[in-house]
């Protein structure tokens, strides 16, 4: 499982700098997450919002003068 280091640390993986992405077992990832050293990398990104404009109505009234 891939995780990203939130803080620099030295452990079974050697010296890991903040921001490095490393491959560890699920058990090791849980252990590192529990102490706040890493976070998951393989999280899915949220879907992009649909920002489409609503269609113009066909019976649009003219503005009063």
N, C-alpha and C. Protein backbone atom coordinates (compact mmCIF):
# COMPACT_ATOMS: atom_id res chain seq x y z
N UNK A 1 0.85 -1.17 0.00
CA UNK A 1 0.00 0.00 0.00
C UNK A 1 0.90 1.23 0.00
N UNK A 2 0.54 2.22 -0.80
CA UNK A 2 1.34 3.44 -0.90
C UNK A 2 0.81 4.49 0.08
N UNK A 3 1.75 5.13 0.76
CA UNK A 3 1.43 6.20 1.69
C UNK A 3 2.39 7.37 1.47
N UNK A 4 1.95 8.56 1.87
CA UNK A 4 2.78 9.76 1.73
C UNK A 4 3.16 10.25 3.13
N UNK A 5 4.43 10.52 3.33
CA UNK A 5 4.92 10.97 4.64
C UNK A 5 4.46 12.40 4.92
N UNK A 6 3.81 12.58 6.06
CA UNK A 6 3.38 13.91 6.51
C UNK A 6 4.49 14.58 7.30
N UNK A 7 5.32 13.78 7.93
CA UNK A 7 6.46 14.26 8.72
C UNK A 7 7.65 13.36 8.39
N UNK A 8 8.86 13.90 8.51
CA UNK A 8 10.06 13.08 8.31
C UNK A 8 10.19 12.11 9.48
N UNK A 9 10.62 10.88 9.19
CA UNK A 9 10.83 9.90 10.25
C UNK A 9 11.83 8.86 9.78
N UNK A 10 12.38 8.13 10.75
CA UNK A 10 13.28 7.02 10.44
C UNK A 10 12.69 5.78 11.08
N UNK A 11 12.58 4.73 10.28
CA UNK A 11 11.99 3.50 10.78
C UNK A 11 12.47 2.32 9.98
N UNK A 12 11.61 1.31 9.86
CA UNK A 12 11.94 0.10 9.10
C UNK A 12 12.26 0.42 7.65
N UNK A 13 11.70 1.49 7.15
CA UNK A 13 11.85 1.87 5.75
C UNK A 13 13.11 2.70 5.52
N UNK A 14 13.85 3.00 6.58
CA UNK A 14 15.00 3.90 6.49
C UNK A 14 14.53 5.31 6.77
N UNK A 15 15.31 6.31 6.35
CA UNK A 15 14.92 7.70 6.58
C UNK A 15 13.94 8.12 5.49
N UNK A 16 12.78 8.61 5.90
CA UNK A 16 11.74 9.03 4.97
C UNK A 16 11.50 10.52 5.18
N UNK A 17 11.67 11.31 4.12
CA UNK A 17 11.45 12.76 4.21
C UNK A 17 9.98 13.09 4.01
N UNK A 18 9.58 14.24 4.55
CA UNK A 18 8.20 14.71 4.38
C UNK A 18 7.89 14.84 2.90
N UNK A 19 6.74 14.29 2.47
CA UNK A 19 6.33 14.37 1.08
C UNK A 19 6.71 13.15 0.26
N UNK A 20 7.61 12.30 0.78
CA UNK A 20 7.99 11.09 0.05
C UNK A 20 6.83 10.10 0.02
N UNK A 21 6.69 9.39 -1.08
CA UNK A 21 5.69 8.33 -1.21
C UNK A 21 6.42 7.01 -1.09
N UNK A 22 5.97 6.17 -0.16
CA UNK A 22 6.62 4.89 0.07
C UNK A 22 5.61 3.75 0.02
N UNK A 23 6.09 2.55 -0.23
CA UNK A 23 5.26 1.35 -0.27
C UNK A 23 5.48 0.59 1.03
N UNK A 24 4.39 0.34 1.78
CA UNK A 24 4.47 -0.41 3.04
C UNK A 24 3.31 -1.40 3.10
N UNK A 25 3.39 -2.33 4.05
CA UNK A 25 2.29 -3.27 4.25
C UNK A 25 1.10 -2.54 4.86
N UNK A 26 -0.07 -3.14 4.77
CA UNK A 26 -1.28 -2.51 5.33
C UNK A 26 -1.14 -2.33 6.84
N UNK A 27 -0.54 -3.31 7.50
CA UNK A 27 -0.38 -3.24 8.95
C UNK A 27 0.57 -2.09 9.32
N UNK A 28 1.66 -1.95 8.58
CA UNK A 28 2.62 -0.86 8.85
C UNK A 28 1.97 0.49 8.54
N UNK A 29 1.17 0.56 7.47
CA UNK A 29 0.49 1.81 7.11
C UNK A 29 -0.45 2.23 8.23
N UNK A 30 -1.21 1.29 8.78
CA UNK A 30 -2.12 1.60 9.89
C UNK A 30 -1.35 2.14 11.09
N UNK A 31 -0.22 1.50 11.37
CA UNK A 31 0.62 1.91 12.50
C UNK A 31 1.15 3.34 12.30
N UNK A 32 1.64 3.64 11.10
CA UNK A 32 2.18 4.97 10.81
C UNK A 32 1.09 6.03 10.80
N UNK A 33 -0.10 5.66 10.28
CA UNK A 33 -1.23 6.61 10.27
C UNK A 33 -1.69 6.92 11.69
N UNK A 34 -1.69 5.90 12.53
CA UNK A 34 -2.14 6.06 13.91
C UNK A 34 -1.31 7.10 14.65
N UNK A 35 -0.02 7.17 14.36
CA UNK A 35 0.85 8.15 15.04
C UNK A 35 1.00 9.43 14.24
N UNK A 36 0.28 9.55 13.11
CA UNK A 36 0.25 10.80 12.36
C UNK A 36 1.44 11.06 11.45
N UNK A 37 2.16 10.01 11.06
CA UNK A 37 3.34 10.21 10.21
C UNK A 37 3.02 10.16 8.73
N UNK A 38 1.95 9.47 8.34
CA UNK A 38 1.64 9.30 6.92
C UNK A 38 0.14 9.45 6.66
N UNK A 39 -0.21 9.57 5.36
CA UNK A 39 -1.61 9.52 4.94
C UNK A 39 -1.68 8.70 3.66
N UNK A 40 -2.86 8.20 3.34
CA UNK A 40 -3.05 7.40 2.12
C UNK A 40 -2.81 8.24 0.88
N UNK A 41 -2.25 7.60 -0.15
CA UNK A 41 -2.02 8.28 -1.42
C UNK A 41 -3.08 7.87 -2.43
N UNK A 42 -3.50 6.64 -2.37
CA UNK A 42 -4.37 6.08 -3.40
C UNK A 42 -5.84 6.44 -3.21
N UNK A 43 -6.13 7.58 -2.60
CA UNK A 43 -7.52 7.99 -2.45
C UNK A 43 -8.02 8.54 -3.77
N UNK A 44 -9.26 8.20 -4.10
CA UNK A 44 -9.85 8.70 -5.34
C UNK A 44 -10.19 10.17 -5.19
N UNK A 45 -9.94 10.89 -6.24
CA UNK A 45 -10.28 12.32 -6.24
C UNK A 45 -11.79 12.47 -6.38
N UNK A 46 -12.32 13.52 -5.83
CA UNK A 46 -13.75 13.79 -5.94
C UNK A 46 -14.08 14.11 -7.39
N UNK A 47 -15.23 13.68 -7.88
CA UNK A 47 -15.58 13.98 -9.27
C UNK A 47 -15.73 15.48 -9.47
N UNK A 48 -15.34 15.93 -10.64
CA UNK A 48 -15.43 17.36 -10.96
C UNK A 48 -16.90 17.77 -11.02
N UNK A 49 -17.24 18.91 -10.44
CA UNK A 49 -18.63 19.35 -10.47
C UNK A 49 -19.07 19.71 -11.88
N UNK A 50 -20.33 19.49 -12.15
CA UNK A 50 -20.88 19.84 -13.46
C UNK A 50 -21.35 21.28 -13.40
N UNK A 51 -20.67 22.18 -14.08
CA UNK A 51 -21.00 23.60 -14.03
C UNK A 51 -21.67 24.05 -15.32
N UNK A 52 -22.59 23.29 -15.79
CA UNK A 52 -23.26 23.64 -17.05
C UNK A 52 -24.38 24.64 -16.79
N UNK A 53 -24.47 25.61 -17.66
CA UNK A 53 -25.52 26.62 -17.56
C UNK A 53 -26.85 25.99 -17.96
N UNK A 54 -27.90 26.38 -17.29
CA UNK A 54 -29.23 25.88 -17.62
C UNK A 54 -29.62 26.40 -19.01
N UNK A 55 -30.33 25.60 -19.80
CA UNK A 55 -30.72 26.07 -21.14
C UNK A 55 -31.68 27.26 -21.06
N UNK A 56 -31.57 28.16 -22.02
CA UNK A 56 -32.45 29.33 -22.08
C UNK A 56 -33.86 28.86 -22.46
N UNK A 57 -34.90 29.37 -21.80
CA UNK A 57 -36.27 28.98 -22.17
C UNK A 57 -36.63 29.57 -23.54
N UNK A 58 -37.44 28.83 -24.30
CA UNK A 58 -37.82 29.27 -25.64
C UNK A 58 -38.84 30.41 -25.60
N UNK A 59 -39.66 30.49 -24.55
CA UNK A 59 -40.70 31.51 -24.47
C UNK A 59 -40.27 32.70 -23.61
N UNK A 60 -39.05 33.10 -23.76
CA UNK A 60 -38.49 34.19 -22.95
C UNK A 60 -39.19 35.51 -23.30
N UNK A 61 -39.74 36.17 -22.30
CA UNK A 61 -40.44 37.44 -22.53
C UNK A 61 -39.43 38.56 -22.74
N UNK A 62 -39.82 39.54 -23.57
CA UNK A 62 -38.93 40.68 -23.80
C UNK A 62 -39.01 41.61 -22.60
N UNK A 63 -37.92 42.30 -22.32
CA UNK A 63 -37.87 43.22 -21.20
C UNK A 63 -38.76 44.43 -21.48
N UNK A 64 -39.48 44.90 -20.46
CA UNK A 64 -40.36 46.08 -20.61
C UNK A 64 -39.52 47.34 -20.69
N UNK A 65 -39.99 48.31 -21.53
CA UNK A 65 -39.25 49.57 -21.67
C UNK A 65 -39.89 50.65 -20.87
